[in-house]
Protein backbone atom coordinates (compact mmCIF):
# COMPACT_ATOMS: atom_id res chain seq x y z
CA MET A 1 -35.80 -102.27 -61.00
CA SER A 2 -36.97 -105.15 -59.07
CA ASP A 3 -37.79 -108.57 -60.69
CA THR A 4 -41.44 -108.19 -59.78
CA HIS A 5 -41.56 -104.79 -61.75
CA ALA A 6 -39.45 -106.14 -64.61
CA ALA A 7 -41.96 -109.11 -64.94
CA GLU A 8 -45.03 -106.91 -65.17
CA SER A 9 -46.53 -106.75 -68.70
CA THR A 10 -47.45 -103.56 -70.47
CA ALA A 11 -51.12 -104.45 -70.18
CA THR A 12 -50.70 -104.72 -66.32
CA LEU A 13 -49.00 -101.55 -66.19
CA LEU A 14 -51.69 -99.87 -68.43
CA SER A 15 -54.38 -101.32 -66.33
CA LEU A 16 -52.71 -99.99 -63.09
CA LEU A 17 -52.05 -96.50 -64.65
CA ARG A 18 -55.79 -96.27 -65.48
CA GLN A 19 -56.76 -97.05 -61.94
CA GLY A 20 -54.44 -94.15 -60.87
CA ASP A 21 -51.26 -95.81 -59.81
CA ASP A 22 -48.65 -93.22 -60.53
CA SER A 23 -45.86 -95.62 -59.98
CA ALA A 24 -47.09 -97.59 -62.88
CA ARG A 25 -46.53 -94.36 -64.96
CA ASP A 26 -42.99 -94.26 -63.77
CA ARG A 27 -42.24 -97.91 -64.69
CA LEU A 28 -43.90 -97.39 -68.01
CA VAL A 29 -41.72 -94.32 -68.67
CA ALA A 30 -38.59 -96.30 -67.39
CA ARG A 31 -39.34 -98.94 -69.85
CA TYR A 32 -40.16 -97.08 -72.98
CA LEU A 33 -38.01 -93.84 -72.69
CA PRO A 34 -34.73 -95.58 -73.65
CA MET A 35 -36.43 -97.39 -76.61
CA LEU A 36 -37.95 -94.26 -77.94
CA ARG A 37 -34.83 -92.28 -77.45
CA ARG A 38 -32.82 -94.79 -79.62
CA TRP A 39 -35.56 -94.76 -82.20
CA ALA A 40 -35.81 -90.99 -82.41
CA HIS A 41 -31.97 -90.42 -82.52
CA GLY A 42 -31.16 -88.51 -85.61
CA ARG A 43 -34.61 -88.28 -86.80
CA LEU A 44 -34.98 -84.70 -86.00
CA PRO A 45 -32.84 -82.46 -88.41
CA ALA A 46 -30.14 -80.21 -86.90
CA ARG A 47 -32.05 -77.12 -88.23
CA ALA A 48 -35.14 -78.10 -86.19
CA ARG A 49 -33.19 -78.44 -82.94
CA ASP A 50 -33.36 -75.10 -81.04
CA LEU A 51 -34.07 -75.05 -77.34
CA ASN A 52 -35.66 -78.46 -77.50
CA ASP A 53 -33.37 -81.36 -78.52
CA THR A 54 -34.48 -84.78 -79.47
CA HIS A 55 -34.24 -86.02 -75.88
CA ASP A 56 -36.59 -83.27 -74.79
CA LEU A 57 -39.05 -84.02 -77.58
CA VAL A 58 -39.25 -87.83 -76.69
CA GLN A 59 -39.90 -87.27 -72.99
CA ILE A 60 -42.65 -84.58 -73.58
CA THR A 61 -44.18 -86.82 -76.26
CA LEU A 62 -43.94 -89.97 -73.91
CA LEU A 63 -45.58 -88.08 -70.91
CA SER A 64 -48.21 -86.56 -73.12
CA ALA A 65 -49.13 -89.80 -74.68
CA LEU A 66 -49.45 -91.43 -71.21
CA LYS A 67 -51.80 -88.74 -70.00
CA ASN A 68 -54.00 -89.50 -72.95
CA LEU A 69 -54.25 -93.30 -72.60
CA GLU A 70 -58.14 -93.33 -72.21
CA GLN A 71 -58.58 -93.62 -76.07
CA PHE A 72 -55.85 -96.23 -76.40
CA GLU A 73 -56.83 -99.73 -76.76
CA SER A 74 -54.17 -102.49 -76.64
CA ARG A 75 -55.02 -105.03 -79.22
CA HIS A 76 -51.68 -106.94 -79.28
CA GLU A 77 -48.21 -107.14 -77.72
CA GLY A 78 -46.16 -104.21 -78.90
CA ALA A 79 -49.26 -101.95 -79.66
CA LEU A 80 -48.28 -99.46 -77.05
CA LEU A 81 -44.71 -98.96 -78.34
CA ALA A 82 -46.33 -98.63 -81.98
CA TYR A 83 -48.62 -96.02 -80.54
CA LEU A 84 -45.82 -94.18 -78.76
CA ARG A 85 -43.68 -94.32 -82.00
CA THR A 86 -46.36 -93.03 -84.16
CA THR A 87 -47.10 -90.27 -81.71
CA LEU A 88 -43.39 -89.27 -81.53
CA LEU A 89 -43.07 -89.33 -85.29
CA ASN A 90 -46.00 -86.84 -85.41
CA ALA A 91 -44.29 -84.71 -82.94
CA ILE A 92 -41.20 -84.66 -85.00
CA ARG A 93 -43.04 -83.82 -88.17
CA GLY A 94 -44.67 -81.04 -86.09
CA GLU A 95 -41.32 -79.66 -85.02
CA ILE A 96 -40.04 -79.81 -88.62
CA ARG A 97 -43.22 -78.01 -89.94
CA ARG A 98 -42.85 -75.37 -87.02
CA VAL A 99 -39.22 -74.57 -87.93
CA GLY A 100 -40.16 -74.47 -91.53
CA ARG A 101 -42.78 -71.81 -90.89
CA ALA A 102 -40.61 -69.78 -88.61
CA GLY A 103 -37.33 -70.20 -90.52
CA VAL A 104 -33.94 -70.58 -89.14
CA VAL A 105 -32.74 -67.87 -86.71
CA GLU A 106 -29.35 -66.65 -87.59
CA SER A 107 -27.57 -63.79 -85.82
CA LEU A 108 -25.82 -61.10 -87.92
CA GLN A 109 -22.11 -60.58 -87.38
CA GLU A 110 -21.31 -56.91 -86.27
CA ASP A 111 -19.16 -55.23 -88.98
CA SER A 112 -17.75 -51.92 -87.96
CA GLY A 113 -16.73 -51.22 -91.63
CA MET A 114 -20.39 -51.16 -92.84
CA VAL A 115 -20.93 -48.43 -95.59
CA GLY A 116 -23.42 -46.00 -94.63
CA ALA A 117 -24.14 -47.55 -91.24
CA GLU A 118 -23.81 -44.31 -89.38
CA THR A 119 -25.39 -42.13 -92.02
CA PRO A 120 -28.76 -40.78 -90.91
CA LEU A 121 -31.65 -41.23 -93.31
CA PRO A 122 -33.01 -37.99 -94.73
CA ARG A 123 -36.17 -36.64 -93.21
CA LEU A 124 -39.11 -36.43 -95.38
CA ASP A 125 -41.28 -33.39 -94.65
CA SER A 126 -44.34 -32.51 -96.57
CA GLY A 127 -42.34 -30.37 -99.34
CA SER A 128 -40.14 -33.30 -99.97
CA MET A 129 -42.92 -35.77 -100.27
CA ALA A 130 -44.68 -33.61 -102.67
CA GLY A 131 -41.51 -33.48 -104.77
CA LEU A 132 -41.13 -37.19 -104.50
CA ARG A 133 -44.74 -37.88 -105.56
CA GLU A 134 -44.20 -35.44 -108.51
CA ARG A 135 -41.04 -37.22 -109.55
CA THR A 136 -42.47 -40.79 -109.16
CA GLY A 137 -45.71 -39.65 -111.02
CA GLN A 138 -43.49 -38.28 -113.80
CA ALA A 139 -41.50 -41.42 -113.69
CA ALA A 140 -44.60 -43.59 -114.16
CA ARG A 141 -45.91 -41.35 -117.03
CA ASP A 142 -42.58 -41.57 -118.75
CA GLN A 143 -42.82 -45.35 -118.67
CA ALA A 144 -46.24 -45.54 -119.95
């Protein structure tokens, strides 16, 4: 990074970005991505990491936030970093909720010694269904 780019303030980069300067976006990403990665390290529980790891989540969140800067108003030095951290924290919380709803995916080990694994299930035809209904109806009456 050149001295000129390093001396640019965040406010200057935001102004350039809003004017359509894509290189300003790249410089903002280069400035904030390492900070956000350090901040997010360890905040996403292991059970919430599947195909996306924390670094991916940070990068996606940062790029998404930079696309939506129209509503962001910088009122003080450090406001962008606070905005990005809040956005990232919300993304982490969303990942944790998503995994909580979906549950943890675990594969079952194959066990060749499973009892009954190769025993076919009995076929229920209309005659056996009638007998089943009678038996369950009788059992329900017996319990009453």
